Amino acid sequence: MTRTTLLLLLLLGAWTAPVRGAVAQTDSAAVATLPQADTLPFLRPPYLRAGDTVGIVSPAGQLSKKADTAKVRERFEAWGFHVKFGDHYANREQPYFAGTDAQRAADLQRMIDDPTVKAVIAYRGGYGSVRLLPRLRFEGLREHPKWIVGFSDITLLHLVLRRLGVESIHGAMPSSFVFDEEDPSAESLRCALLGLTDSIATPPHPLNCPGVASGRLAGGNLMQICAATGTPEELEADTPTVLFIEEVGEFVYRIDRMMQMLQRSGKLRNLRAVVVGHFSDMQGLERFGVENPYEVLDPYLRPLGIPVLYGFPAGHAAPNRALYMGREVSVSVDDAGGRLCF
């Protein structure tokens, strides 16, 4: 080995060495070290108590110009919590994102590492969480688990935490809070943070598939689930899994394409049950020959021979009931309706 080669190897080793005590910028190989979902016992973060602190960050899109962050703080304080906002949560310097990737990742990492923060809540979704993964270190949540909260684009973080073996909350984000009338979505989030949610019942639906099953709850936004296929965060359903899906603003032919992806990649093969949330603001129904988007899902889900619960109140429409992702749940469906028990 020449001295030049040795020098290059030493430099390479220094370049790829992990950075301790800071948010390190790495390549995607760092995310590939996430464990399989069935290799670690799942951890449940402590439920919140009065006086606890919640951290609010913006890992994806920037806040609306009409966002009333003062009212957001007031709501959490009315629930008995202290609020800590990320340094860049309201950043508007970028055309789309709430700050650069490095800034957004640093905000999220600080909240994950801060021992005083008991829950980390995404202010909004949109797009962008995936860009942060090479910069983040989630391992600390195995030692000090805390709730990560959000939906839509935050589905990706739920998938990461599933691999890590830590429960999380799929629920309302401050960008969707309603302040001038009752807000059942926000109230559901409060109950979930406090550990007050034990089951959610739904009325009958003509496409429901009856049965009783149990498994670990996974999923979220359908597009995010499909986009994660082939990545280190992809949904694994080798162990008993109950899949939750929801979607918004898509052409229904794209919904069919996503279901093709899940079917052909084997993601549906070993599911124990499927819970179908809001599929809101769907487009192209008439052209695709269906009256509602659930008709697109039914040919893929009914042949599985497992319980399928339609019309579940979670997703991009109200009410958006909070769900404990990664939790062992049971699903029951009969002529009287359905129930998801945590």
C-alpha atoms as a PDB file:
ATOM      1  CA  MET A   1       0.000   0.000   0.000  1.00  0.00           C
ATOM      2  CA  THR A   2       1.440   3.369  -0.982  1.00  0.00           C
ATOM      3  CA  ARG A   3       1.594   6.318   1.346  1.00  0.00           C
ATOM      4  CA  THR A   4      -0.872   8.135  -0.917  1.00  0.00           C
ATOM      5  CA  THR A   5      -3.401   5.267  -0.685  1.00  0.00           C
ATOM      6  CA  LEU A   6      -2.994   5.124   3.095  1.00  0.00           C
ATOM      7  CA  LEU A   7      -3.597   8.858   3.362  1.00  0.00           C
ATOM      8  CA  LEU A   8      -6.758   8.587   1.254  1.00  0.00           C
ATOM      9  CA  LEU A   9      -8.089   5.788   3.446  1.00  0.00           C
ATOM     10  CA  LEU A  10      -7.404   7.770   6.598  1.00  0.00           C
ATOM     11  CA  LEU A  11      -9.162  10.798   5.159  1.00  0.00           C
ATOM     12  CA  LEU A  12     -12.108   8.659   4.126  1.00  0.00           C
ATOM     13  CA  GLY A  13     -12.344   7.217   7.618  1.00  0.00           C
ATOM     14  CA  ALA A  14     -12.334  10.697   9.133  1.00  0.00           C
ATOM     15  CA  TRP A  15     -15.006  11.869   6.678  1.00  0.00           C
ATOM     16  CA  THR A  16     -17.373   9.003   7.412  1.00  0.00           C
ATOM     17  CA  ALA A  17     -16.896   8.945  11.182  1.00  0.00           C
ATOM     18  CA  PRO A  18     -20.120   9.724  13.062  1.00  0.00           C
ATOM     19  CA  VAL A  19     -20.481  13.105  14.681  1.00  0.00           C
ATOM     20  CA  ARG A  20     -21.339  12.849  18.371  1.00  0.00           C
ATOM     21  CA  GLY A  21     -23.573  15.324  20.129  1.00  0.00           C
ATOM     22  CA  ALA A  22     -24.780  16.973  16.927  1.00  0.00           C
ATOM     23  CA  VAL A  23     -26.940  16.379  13.888  1.00  0.00           C
ATOM     24  CA  ALA A  24     -24.590  14.685  11.475  1.00  0.00           C
ATOM     25  CA  GLN A  25     -25.010  14.907   7.719  1.00  0.00           C
ATOM     26  CA  THR A  26     -24.594  11.400   6.340  1.00  0.00           C
ATOM     27  CA  ASP A  27     -25.608   9.401   3.323  1.00  0.00           C
ATOM     28  CA  SER A  28     -28.605   7.085   3.177  1.00  0.00           C
ATOM     29  CA  ALA A  29     -26.556   4.169   4.541  1.00  0.00           C
ATOM     30  CA  ALA A  30     -27.099   5.535   8.041  1.00  0.00           C
ATOM     31  CA  VAL A  31     -30.832   4.944   7.725  1.00  0.00           C
ATOM     32  CA  ALA A  32     -30.220   1.399   6.460  1.00  0.00           C
ATOM     33  CA  THR A  33     -29.113   0.395   9.968  1.00  0.00           C
ATOM     34  CA  LEU A  34     -32.693   0.586  11.235  1.00  0.00           C
ATOM     35  CA  PRO A  35     -33.665  -2.776  12.730  1.00  0.00           C
ATOM     36  CA  GLN A  36     -36.410  -4.996  11.403  1.00  0.00           C
ATOM     37  CA  ALA A  37     -39.798  -4.470  13.034  1.00  0.00           C
ATOM     38  CA  ASP A  38     -39.776  -7.897  14.689  1.00  0.00           C
ATOM     39  CA  THR A  39     -36.263  -7.803  16.182  1.00  0.00           C
ATOM     40  CA  LEU A  40     -36.942  -5.477  19.126  1.00  0.00           C
ATOM     41  CA  PRO A  41     -39.673  -5.362  21.770  1.00  0.00           C
ATOM     42  CA  PHE A  42     -41.919  -2.368  21.209  1.00  0.00           C
ATOM     43  CA  LEU A  43     -41.657   0.509  23.653  1.00  0.00           C
ATOM     44  CA  ARG A  44     -44.537   2.725  24.737  1.00  0.00           C
ATOM     45  CA  PRO A  45     -43.565   6.306  25.578  1.00  0.00           C
ATOM     46  CA  PRO A  46     -44.913   7.635  28.871  1.00  0.00           C
ATOM     47  CA  TYR A  47     -48.274   9.354  28.587  1.00  0.00           C
ATOM     48  CA  LEU A  48     -48.180  13.074  29.264  1.00  0.00           C
ATOM     49  CA  ARG A  49     -49.092  14.679  32.565  1.00  0.00           C
ATOM     50  CA  ALA A  50     -49.930  18.249  33.510  1.00  0.00           C
ATOM     51  CA  GLY A  51     -46.783  20.356  33.424  1.00  0.00           C
ATOM     52  CA  ASP A  52     -45.040  18.302  30.729  1.00  0.00           C
ATOM     53  CA  THR A  53     -43.484  20.023  27.720  1.00  0.00           C
ATOM     54  CA  VAL A  54     -44.392  19.401  24.087  1.00  0.00           C
ATOM     55  CA  GLY A  55     -42.015  20.374  21.295  1.00  0.00           C
ATOM     56  CA  ILE A  56     -43.433  21.714  18.022  1.00  0.00           C
ATOM     57  CA  VAL A  57     -41.395  21.529  14.820  1.00  0.00           C
ATOM     58  CA  SER A  58     -41.947  21.840  11.072  1.00  0.00           C
ATOM     59  CA  PRO A  59     -40.128  18.948   9.375  1.00  0.00           C
ATOM     60  CA  ALA A  60     -41.773  19.494   6.002  1.00  0.00           C
ATOM     61  CA  GLY A  61     -43.699  22.387   4.440  1.00  0.00           C
ATOM     62  CA  GLN A  62     -43.699  25.920   5.768  1.00  0.00           C
ATOM     63  CA  LEU A  63     -46.543  27.362   7.793  1.00  0.00           C
ATOM     64  CA  SER A  64     -49.440  29.160   6.181  1.00  0.00           C
ATOM     65  CA  LYS A  65     -49.225  32.937   6.326  1.00  0.00           C
ATOM     66  CA  LYS A  66     -52.463  32.811   8.321  1.00  0.00           C
ATOM     67  CA  ALA A  67     -51.090  30.401  10.920  1.00  0.00           C
ATOM     68  CA  ASP A  68     -51.975  31.609  14.416  1.00  0.00           C
ATOM     69  CA  THR A  69     -49.186  30.177  16.533  1.00  0.00           C
ATOM     70  CA  ALA A  70     -50.318  32.161  19.582  1.00  0.00           C
ATOM     71  CA  LYS A  71     -53.612  30.265  19.611  1.00  0.00           C
ATOM     72  CA  VAL A  72     -51.731  26.995  19.174  1.00  0.00           C
ATOM     73  CA  ARG A  73     -49.665  27.767  22.269  1.00  0.00           C
ATOM     74  CA  GLU A  74     -52.803  28.755  24.171  1.00  0.00           C
ATOM     75  CA  ARG A  75     -54.499  25.463  23.321  1.00  0.00           C
ATOM     76  CA  PHE A  76     -51.641  23.293  24.533  1.00  0.00           C
ATOM     77  CA  GLU A  77     -51.314  25.416  27.666  1.00  0.00           C
ATOM     78  CA  ALA A  78     -55.049  25.033  28.262  1.00  0.00           C
ATOM     79  CA  TRP A  79     -54.445  21.279  28.162  1.00  0.00           C
ATOM     80  CA  GLY A  80     -51.876  21.760  30.947  1.00  0.00           C
ATOM     81  CA  PHE A  81     -48.702  21.515  28.826  1.00  0.00           C
ATOM     82  CA  HIS A  82     -45.743  23.812  28.305  1.00  0.00           C
ATOM     83  CA  VAL A  83     -44.782  24.528  24.689  1.00  0.00           C
ATOM     84  CA  LYS A  84     -41.343  24.713  23.118  1.00  0.00           C
ATOM     85  CA  PHE A  85     -41.177  25.722  19.454  1.00  0.00           C
ATOM     86  CA  GLY A  86     -38.294  24.706  17.215  1.00  0.00           C
ATOM     87  CA  ASP A  87     -35.918  27.467  16.158  1.00  0.00           C
ATOM     88  CA  HIS A  88     -36.993  27.255  12.524  1.00  0.00           C
ATOM     89  CA  TYR A  89     -40.595  26.056  12.795  1.00  0.00           C
ATOM     90  CA  ALA A  90     -41.920  29.280  11.190  1.00  0.00           C
ATOM     91  CA  ASN A  91     -39.033  29.781   8.735  1.00  0.00           C
ATOM     92  CA  ARG A  92     -40.183  31.226   5.384  1.00  0.00           C
ATOM     93  CA  GLU A  93     -36.843  31.778   3.692  1.00  0.00           C
ATOM     94  CA  GLN A  94     -37.233  28.733   1.459  1.00  0.00           C
ATOM     95  CA  PRO A  95     -39.837  28.669  -1.331  1.00  0.00           C
ATOM     96  CA  TYR A  96     -41.586  25.560   0.026  1.00  0.00           C
ATOM     97  CA  PHE A  97     -39.905  24.053   3.064  1.00  0.00           C
ATOM     98  CA  ALA A  98     -39.857  25.468   6.601  1.00  0.00           C
ATOM     99  CA  GLY A  99     -36.127  26.085   6.420  1.00  0.00           C
ATOM    100  CA  THR A 100     -33.295  24.147   4.850  1.00  0.00           C
ATOM    101  CA  ASP A 101     -32.988  20.396   5.341  1.00  0.00           C
ATOM    102  CA  ALA A 102     -30.210  21.012   7.874  1.00  0.00           C
ATOM    103  CA  GLN A 103     -32.310  23.505   9.836  1.00  0.00           C
ATOM    104  CA  ARG A 104     -35.418  21.328   9.933  1.00  0.00           C
ATOM    105  CA  ALA A 105     -33.406  18.252  10.884  1.00  0.00           C
ATOM    106  CA  ALA A 106     -31.612  20.156  13.636  1.00  0.00           C
ATOM    107  CA  ASP A 107     -34.931  21.306  15.107  1.00  0.00           C
ATOM    108  CA  LEU A 108     -36.315  17.765  15.125  1.00  0.00           C
ATOM    109  CA  GLN A 109     -33.110  16.262  16.498  1.00  0.00           C
ATOM    110  CA  ARG A 110     -32.949  18.765  19.348  1.00  0.00           C
ATOM    111  CA  MET A 111     -36.512  17.902  20.349  1.00  0.00           C
ATOM    112  CA  ILE A 112     -35.740  14.175  20.195  1.00  0.00           C
ATOM    113  CA  ASP A 113     -32.644  14.652  22.351  1.00  0.00           C
ATOM    114  CA  ASP A 114     -34.142  17.175  24.803  1.00  0.00           C
ATOM    115  CA  PRO A 115     -35.012  15.275  28.015  1.00  0.00           C
ATOM    116  CA  THR A 116     -37.538  17.941  29.020  1.00  0.00           C
ATOM    117  CA  VAL A 117     -39.650  17.368  25.881  1.00  0.00           C
ATOM    118  CA  LYS A 118     -42.139  14.511  26.303  1.00  0.00           C
ATOM    119  CA  ALA A 119     -43.838  14.700  22.887  1.00  0.00           C
ATOM    120  CA  VAL A 120     -42.641  16.043  19.521  1.00  0.00           C
ATOM    121  CA  ILE A 121     -45.483  17.361  17.369  1.00  0.00           C
ATOM    122  CA  ALA A 122     -45.220  18.293  13.691  1.00  0.00           C
ATOM    123  CA  TYR A 123     -46.924  21.614  13.029  1.00  0.00           C
ATOM    124  CA  ARG A 124     -47.966  20.483   9.565  1.00  0.00           C
ATOM    125  CA  GLY A 125     -47.195  17.955   6.850  1.00  0.00           C
ATOM    126  CA  GLY A 126     -46.976  18.638   3.138  1.00  0.00           C
ATOM    127  CA  TYR A 127     -43.721  17.174   1.901  1.00  0.00           C
ATOM    128  CA  GLY A 128     -40.144  17.066   3.087  1.00  0.00           C
ATOM    129  CA  SER A 129     -39.681  14.720   6.059  1.00  0.00           C
ATOM    130  CA  VAL A 130     -37.959  12.129   3.877  1.00  0.00           C
ATOM    131  CA  ARG A 131     -35.187  14.625   3.086  1.00  0.00           C
ATOM    132  CA  LEU A 132     -34.227  14.754   6.759  1.00  0.00           C
ATOM    133  CA  LEU A 133     -33.639  11.050   7.369  1.00  0.00           C
ATOM    134  CA  PRO A 134     -29.914  10.937   6.480  1.00  0.00           C
ATOM    135  CA  ARG A 135     -29.325  13.681   9.066  1.00  0.00           C
ATOM    136  CA  LEU A 136     -31.304  12.221  11.959  1.00  0.00           C
ATOM    137  CA  ARG A 137     -30.474   9.865  14.809  1.00  0.00           C
ATOM    138  CA  PHE A 138     -33.497   8.130  16.313  1.00  0.00           C
ATOM    139  CA  GLU A 139     -31.644   5.617  18.499  1.00  0.00           C
ATOM    140  CA  GLY A 140     -32.055   7.759  21.610  1.00  0.00           C
ATOM    141  CA  LEU A 141     -35.776   7.040  21.520  1.00  0.00           C
ATOM    142  CA  ARG A 142     -35.021   3.445  22.480  1.00  0.00           C
ATOM    143  CA  GLU A 143     -33.498   4.691  25.752  1.00  0.00           C
ATOM    144  CA  HIS A 144     -35.862   7.592  26.336  1.00  0.00           C
ATOM    145  CA  PRO A 145     -39.018   7.046  24.270  1.00  0.00           C
ATOM    146  CA  LYS A 146     -41.307   9.986  23.641  1.00  0.00           C
ATOM    147  CA  TRP A 147     -44.346  10.485  21.437  1.00  0.00           C
ATOM    148  CA  ILE A 148     -43.807  11.609  17.837  1.00  0.00           C
ATOM    149  CA  VAL A 149     -47.074  13.065  16.550  1.00  0.00           C
ATOM    150  CA  GLY A 150     -48.497  13.891  13.125  1.00  0.00           C
ATOM    151  CA  PHE A 151     -50.051  12.461   9.980  1.00  0.00           C
ATOM    152  CA  SER A 152     -49.849  12.808   6.194  1.00  0.00           C
ATOM    153  CA  ASP A 153     -46.140  13.388   5.388  1.00  0.00           C
ATOM    154  CA  ILE A 154     -45.312  12.387   8.972  1.00  0.00           C
ATOM    155  CA  THR A 155     -46.317   8.835   7.996  1.00  0.00           C
ATOM    156  CA  LEU A 156     -42.674   8.371   7.056  1.00  0.00           C
ATOM    157  CA  LEU A 157     -41.583   9.037  10.640  1.00  0.00           C
ATOM    158  CA  HIS A 158     -44.172   6.539  11.873  1.00  0.00           C
ATOM    159  CA  LEU A 159     -42.610   3.953   9.549  1.00  0.00           C
ATOM    160  CA  VAL A 160     -39.153   4.748  10.938  1.00  0.00           C
ATOM    161  CA  LEU A 161     -40.415   4.362  14.503  1.00  0.00           C
ATOM    162  CA  ARG A 162     -42.076   1.064  13.611  1.00  0.00           C
ATOM    163  CA  ARG A 163     -38.653  -0.236  12.547  1.00  0.00           C
ATOM    164  CA  LEU A 164     -37.177   1.189  15.746  1.00  0.00           C
ATOM    165  CA  GLY A 165     -39.850  -0.451  17.902  1.00  0.00           C
ATOM    166  CA  VAL A 166     -41.351   2.698  19.431  1.00  0.00           C
ATOM    167  CA  GLU A 167     -45.047   3.579  19.459  1.00  0.00           C
ATOM    168  CA  SER A 168     -46.151   6.914  17.987  1.00  0.00           C
ATOM    169  CA  ILE A 169     -49.359   8.894  17.462  1.00  0.00           C
ATOM    170  CA  HIS A 170     -51.038   9.410  14.094  1.00  0.00           C
ATOM    171  CA  GLY A 171     -53.181  12.422  14.840  1.00  0.00           C
ATOM    172  CA  ALA A 172     -54.118  16.041  14.279  1.00  0.00           C
ATOM    173  CA  MET A 173     -51.414  18.662  13.840  1.00  0.00           C
ATOM    174  CA  PRO A 174     -51.639  22.330  14.852  1.00  0.00           C
ATOM    175  CA  SER A 175     -52.078  23.417  11.227  1.00  0.00           C
ATOM    176  CA  SER A 176     -55.458  21.654  11.218  1.00  0.00           C
ATOM    177  CA  PHE A 177     -56.677  22.892  14.620  1.00  0.00           C
ATOM    178  CA  VAL A 178     -60.035  24.681  14.666  1.00  0.00           C
ATOM    179  CA  PHE A 179     -60.375  27.551  17.124  1.00  0.00           C
ATOM    180  CA  ASP A 180     -63.806  29.105  16.554  1.00  0.00           C
ATOM    181  CA  GLU A 181     -65.854  25.957  17.137  1.00  0.00           C
ATOM    182  CA  GLU A 182     -65.580  22.493  18.633  1.00  0.00           C
ATOM    183  CA  ASP A 183     -62.541  20.582  17.428  1.00  0.00           C
ATOM    184  CA  PRO A 184     -63.025  16.821  17.881  1.00  0.00           C
ATOM    185  CA  SER A 185     -59.723  16.093  16.104  1.00  0.00           C
ATOM    186  CA  ALA A 186     -57.694  18.180  18.550  1.00  0.00           C
ATOM    187  CA  GLU A 187     -59.624  16.747  21.486  1.00  0.00           C
ATOM    188  CA  SER A 188     -58.822  13.245  20.258  1.00  0.00           C
ATOM    189  CA  LEU A 189     -55.135  14.174  20.188  1.00  0.00           C
ATOM    190  CA  ARG A 190     -55.335  15.477  23.771  1.00  0.00           C
ATOM    191  CA  CYS A 191     -56.914  12.216  24.906  1.00  0.00           C
ATOM    192  CA  ALA A 192     -54.276  10.152  23.118  1.00  0.00           C
ATOM    193  CA  LEU A 193     -51.406  12.121  24.673  1.00  0.00           C
ATOM    194  CA  LEU A 194     -52.914  11.555  28.113  1.00  0.00           C
ATOM    195  CA  GLY A 195     -53.548   7.849  27.500  1.00  0.00           C
ATOM    196  CA  LEU A 196     -57.332   8.191  27.556  1.00  0.00           C
ATOM    197  CA  THR A 197     -58.081   6.457  24.239  1.00  0.00           C
ATOM    198  CA  ASP A 198     -58.946   2.769  24.429  1.00  0.00           C
ATOM    199  CA  SER A 199     -61.195   2.137  21.395  1.00  0.00           C
ATOM    200  CA  ILE A 200     -62.901   3.783  18.423  1.00  0.00           C
ATOM    201  CA  ALA A 201     -66.216   2.516  17.059  1.00  0.00           C
ATOM    202  CA  THR A 202     -67.640   3.046  13.572  1.00  0.00           C
ATOM    203  CA  PRO A 203     -71.109   2.577  12.059  1.00  0.00           C
ATOM    204  CA  PRO A 204     -71.858  -0.126   9.468  1.00  0.00           C
ATOM    205  CA  HIS A 205     -70.505   0.292   5.940  1.00  0.00           C
ATOM    206  CA  PRO A 206     -71.721  -1.630   2.888  1.00  0.00           C
ATOM    207  CA  LEU A 207     -68.184  -2.664   1.903  1.00  0.00           C
ATOM    208  CA  ASN A 208     -67.101  -3.842   5.367  1.00  0.00           C
ATOM    209  CA  CYS A 209     -65.658  -7.353   5.546  1.00  0.00           C
ATOM    210  CA  PRO A 210     -66.655  -9.064   8.816  1.00  0.00           C
ATOM    211  CA  GLY A 211     -64.326 -10.805  11.212  1.00  0.00           C
ATOM    212  CA  VAL A 212     -62.097 -10.398  14.241  1.00  0.00           C
ATOM    213  CA  ALA A 213     -58.303 -10.069  14.133  1.00  0.00           C
ATOM    214  CA  SER A 214     -55.376  -8.570  15.986  1.00  0.00           C
ATOM    215  CA  GLY A 215     -51.924  -7.288  15.097  1.00  0.00           C
ATOM    216  CA  ARG A 216     -49.608  -4.322  15.398  1.00  0.00           C
ATOM    217  CA  LEU A 217     -51.037  -1.130  13.867  1.00  0.00           C
ATOM    218  CA  ALA A 218     -49.019   0.328  10.994  1.00  0.00           C
ATOM    219  CA  GLY A 219     -49.491   2.631   8.039  1.00  0.00           C
ATOM    220  CA  GLY A 220     -50.898   6.088   7.482  1.00  0.00           C
ATOM    221  CA  ASN A 221     -50.972   7.995   4.217  1.00  0.00           C
ATOM    222  CA  LEU A 222     -51.203   5.591   1.289  1.00  0.00           C
ATOM    223  CA  MET A 223     -48.867   7.545  -0.986  1.00  0.00           C
ATOM    224  CA  GLN A 224     -46.209   7.727   1.732  1.00  0.00           C
ATOM    225  CA  ILE A 225     -46.452   3.992   2.364  1.00  0.00           C
ATOM    226  CA  CYS A 226     -45.987   3.262  -1.331  1.00  0.00           C
ATOM    227  CA  ALA A 227     -43.178   5.799  -1.715  1.00  0.00           C
ATOM    228  CA  ALA A 228     -41.265   4.054   1.074  1.00  0.00           C
ATOM    229  CA  THR A 229     -41.282   0.712  -0.759  1.00  0.00           C
ATOM    230  CA  GLY A 230     -37.721  -0.346  -1.515  1.00  0.00           C
ATOM    231  CA  THR A 231     -36.247   2.009   1.101  1.00  0.00           C
ATOM    232  CA  PRO A 232     -34.944   1.167   4.592  1.00  0.00           C
ATOM    233  CA  GLU A 233     -38.208   2.501   6.045  1.00  0.00           C
ATOM    234  CA  GLU A 234     -40.573   0.403   3.949  1.00  0.00           C
ATOM    235  CA  LEU A 235     -43.549  -1.239   5.576  1.00  0.00           C
ATOM    236  CA  GLU A 236     -42.808  -4.788   6.700  1.00  0.00           C
ATOM    237  CA  ALA A 237     -45.783  -7.013   7.494  1.00  0.00           C
ATOM    238  CA  ASP A 238     -44.027 -10.305   8.192  1.00  0.00           C
ATOM    239  CA  THR A 239     -45.354 -10.191  11.759  1.00  0.00           C
ATOM    240  CA  PRO A 240     -49.112  -9.870  12.497  1.00  0.00           C
ATOM    241  CA  THR A 241     -50.041  -6.415  11.174  1.00  0.00           C
ATOM    242  CA  VAL A 242     -53.194  -4.305  11.039  1.00  0.00           C
ATOM    243  CA  LEU A 243     -52.818  -1.794   8.188  1.00  0.00           C
ATOM    244  CA  PHE A 244     -54.383   1.670   8.383  1.00  0.00           C
ATOM    245  CA  ILE A 245     -54.593   3.728   5.171  1.00  0.00           C
ATOM    246  CA  GLU A 246     -55.954   7.157   4.248  1.00  0.00           C
ATOM    247  CA  GLU A 247     -55.501   9.571   1.346  1.00  0.00           C
ATOM    248  CA  VAL A 248     -56.447  13.028   0.090  1.00  0.00           C
ATOM    249  CA  GLY A 249     -56.682  14.890  -3.215  1.00  0.00           C
ATOM    250  CA  GLU A 250     -55.639  12.031  -5.505  1.00  0.00           C
ATOM    251  CA  PHE A 251     -57.017  10.891  -8.837  1.00  0.00           C
ATOM    252  CA  VAL A 252     -58.585   7.508  -8.240  1.00  0.00           C
ATOM    253  CA  TYR A 253     -56.526   5.885 -11.005  1.00  0.00           C
ATOM    254  CA  ARG A 254     -53.490   6.690  -8.872  1.00  0.00           C
ATOM    255  CA  ILE A 255     -55.169   4.988  -5.924  1.00  0.00           C
ATOM    256  CA  ASP A 256     -55.518   1.903  -8.110  1.00  0.00           C
ATOM    257  CA  ARG A 257     -51.845   2.177  -9.065  1.00  0.00           C
ATOM    258  CA  MET A 258     -50.841   2.359  -5.392  1.00  0.00           C
ATOM    259  CA  MET A 259     -52.917  -0.695  -4.555  1.00  0.00           C
ATOM    260  CA  GLN A 260     -51.266  -2.514  -7.454  1.00  0.00           C
ATOM    261  CA  MET A 261     -47.899  -1.641  -5.935  1.00  0.00           C
ATOM    262  CA  LEU A 262     -48.888  -2.954  -2.503  1.00  0.00           C
ATOM    263  CA  GLN A 263     -50.358  -6.116  -3.978  1.00  0.00           C
ATOM    264  CA  ARG A 264     -47.512  -6.896  -6.370  1.00  0.00           C
ATOM    265  CA  SER A 265     -44.840  -6.160  -3.765  1.00  0.00           C
ATOM    266  CA  GLY A 266     -46.461  -8.608  -1.343  1.00  0.00           C
ATOM    267  CA  LYS A 267     -47.338  -5.979   1.268  1.00  0.00           C
ATOM    268  CA  LEU A 268     -50.950  -7.187   1.503  1.00  0.00           C
ATOM    269  CA  ARG A 269     -50.182 -10.881   1.704  1.00  0.00           C
ATOM    270  CA  ASN A 270     -49.804 -11.352   5.463  1.00  0.00           C
ATOM    271  CA  LEU A 271     -52.059  -8.628   6.835  1.00  0.00           C
ATOM    272  CA  ARG A 272     -54.475  -9.572   9.630  1.00  0.00           C
ATOM    273  CA  ALA A 273     -56.911  -6.670   9.068  1.00  0.00           C
ATOM    274  CA  VAL A 274     -57.218  -3.369   7.194  1.00  0.00           C
ATOM    275  CA  VAL A 275     -58.680  -0.141   8.571  1.00  0.00           C
ATOM    276  CA  VAL A 276     -59.633   2.369   5.866  1.00  0.00           C
ATOM    277  CA  GLY A 277     -59.795   6.019   6.884  1.00  0.00           C
ATOM    278  CA  HIS A 278     -60.859   9.122   4.988  1.00  0.00           C
ATOM    279  CA  PHE A 279     -60.249   9.137   1.252  1.00  0.00           C
ATOM    280  CA  SER A 280     -61.203  12.771   0.821  1.00  0.00           C
ATOM    281  CA  ASP A 281     -61.332  15.142  -2.158  1.00  0.00           C
ATOM    282  CA  MET A 282     -60.784  12.318  -4.640  1.00  0.00           C
ATOM    283  CA  GLN A 283     -60.766  13.193  -8.328  1.00  0.00           C
ATOM    284  CA  GLY A 284     -61.635  11.390 -11.557  1.00  0.00           C
ATOM    285  CA  LEU A 285     -64.305   9.127 -10.066  1.00  0.00           C
ATOM    286  CA  GLU A 286     -66.699   9.238 -13.006  1.00  0.00           C
ATOM    287  CA  ARG A 287     -64.001   8.669 -15.577  1.00  0.00           C
ATOM    288  CA  PHE A 288     -62.749   5.644 -13.648  1.00  0.00           C
ATOM    289  CA  GLY A 289     -66.294   4.301 -13.399  1.00  0.00           C
ATOM    290  CA  VAL A 290     -66.750   4.385  -9.621  1.00  0.00           C
ATOM    291  CA  GLU A 291     -69.017   6.353  -7.322  1.00  0.00           C
ATOM    292  CA  ASN A 292     -66.597   6.501  -4.396  1.00  0.00           C
ATOM    293  CA  PRO A 293     -62.903   5.722  -3.867  1.00  0.00           C
ATOM    294  CA  TYR A 294     -63.624   2.750  -1.587  1.00  0.00           C
ATOM    295  CA  GLU A 295     -64.840   0.887  -4.666  1.00  0.00           C
ATOM    296  CA  VAL A 296     -61.262   1.057  -5.971  1.00  0.00           C
ATOM    297  CA  LEU A 297     -59.906  -0.509  -2.781  1.00  0.00           C
ATOM    298  CA  ASP A 298     -62.485  -3.276  -2.425  1.00  0.00           C
ATOM    299  CA  PRO A 299     -61.221  -5.590  -5.242  1.00  0.00           C
ATOM    300  CA  TYR A 300     -57.790  -5.641  -3.570  1.00  0.00           C
ATOM    301  CA  LEU A 301     -58.911  -6.004   0.058  1.00  0.00           C
ATOM    302  CA  ARG A 302     -61.961  -8.283  -0.062  1.00  0.00           C
ATOM    303  CA  PRO A 303     -60.103 -11.280  -1.573  1.00  0.00           C
ATOM    304  CA  LEU A 304     -57.665 -11.203   1.364  1.00  0.00           C
ATOM    305  CA  GLY A 305     -60.329 -12.857   3.518  1.00  0.00           C
ATOM    306  CA  ILE A 306     -59.575 -10.677   6.534  1.00  0.00           C
ATOM    307  CA  PRO A 307     -61.595  -8.046   8.423  1.00  0.00           C
ATOM    308  CA  VAL A 308     -61.766  -4.749   6.538  1.00  0.00           C
ATOM    309  CA  LEU A 309     -63.202  -1.712   8.308  1.00  0.00           C
ATOM    310  CA  TYR A 310     -64.280   1.159   6.032  1.00  0.00           C
ATOM    311  CA  GLY A 311     -65.246   4.695   6.961  1.00  0.00           C
ATOM    312  CA  PHE A 312     -62.844   4.966   9.863  1.00  0.00           C
ATOM    313  CA  PRO A 313     -62.715   8.568  11.184  1.00  0.00           C
ATOM    314  CA  ALA A 314     -59.032   9.351  10.644  1.00  0.00           C
ATOM    315  CA  GLY A 315     -57.108  11.150   7.920  1.00  0.00           C
ATOM    316  CA  HIS A 316     -57.333  14.444   6.053  1.00  0.00           C
ATOM    317  CA  ALA A 317     -60.975  15.167   6.939  1.00  0.00           C
ATOM    318  CA  ALA A 318     -62.756  15.791  10.208  1.00  0.00           C
ATOM    319  CA  PRO A 319     -62.874  14.094  12.539  1.00  0.00           C
ATOM    320  CA  ASN A 320     -59.283  12.933  12.504  1.00  0.00           C
ATOM    321  CA  ARG A 321     -59.170  10.564  15.460  1.00  0.00           C
ATOM    322  CA  ALA A 322     -55.765   9.890  16.970  1.00  0.00           C
ATOM    323  CA  LEU A 323     -54.297   6.391  16.597  1.00  0.00           C
ATOM    324  CA  TYR A 324     -51.490   4.658  18.476  1.00  0.00           C
ATOM    325  CA  MET A 325     -49.192   3.422  15.718  1.00  0.00           C
ATOM    326  CA  GLY A 326     -47.086   0.409  16.620  1.00  0.00           C
ATOM    327  CA  ARG A 327     -49.645  -0.668  19.240  1.00  0.00           C
ATOM    328  CA  GLU A 328     -51.013  -4.203  19.396  1.00  0.00           C
ATOM    329  CA  VAL A 329     -54.653  -3.668  18.473  1.00  0.00           C
ATOM    330  CA  SER A 330     -57.737  -5.720  17.772  1.00  0.00           C
ATOM    331  CA  VAL A 331     -60.257  -5.144  14.988  1.00  0.00           C
ATOM    332  CA  SER A 332     -63.813  -6.447  15.015  1.00  0.00           C
ATOM    333  CA  VAL A 333     -66.309  -5.999  12.181  1.00  0.00           C
ATOM    334  CA  ASP A 334     -69.886  -7.231  12.043  1.00  0.00           C
ATOM    335  CA  ASP A 335     -73.343  -6.115  10.903  1.00  0.00           C
ATOM    336  CA  ALA A 336     -73.494  -3.533  13.691  1.00  0.00           C
ATOM    337  CA  GLY A 337     -70.316  -1.783  12.517  1.00  0.00           C
ATOM    338  CA  GLY A 338     -66.699  -1.988  13.556  1.00  0.00           C
ATOM    339  CA  ARG A 339     -64.351  -1.272  16.422  1.00  0.00           C
ATOM    340  CA  LEU A 340     -60.631  -0.710  16.762  1.00  0.00           C
ATOM    341  CA  CYS A 341     -59.393  -1.464  20.281  1.00  0.00           C
ATOM    342  CA  PHE A 342     -55.990  -0.328  21.587  1.00  0.00           C
END
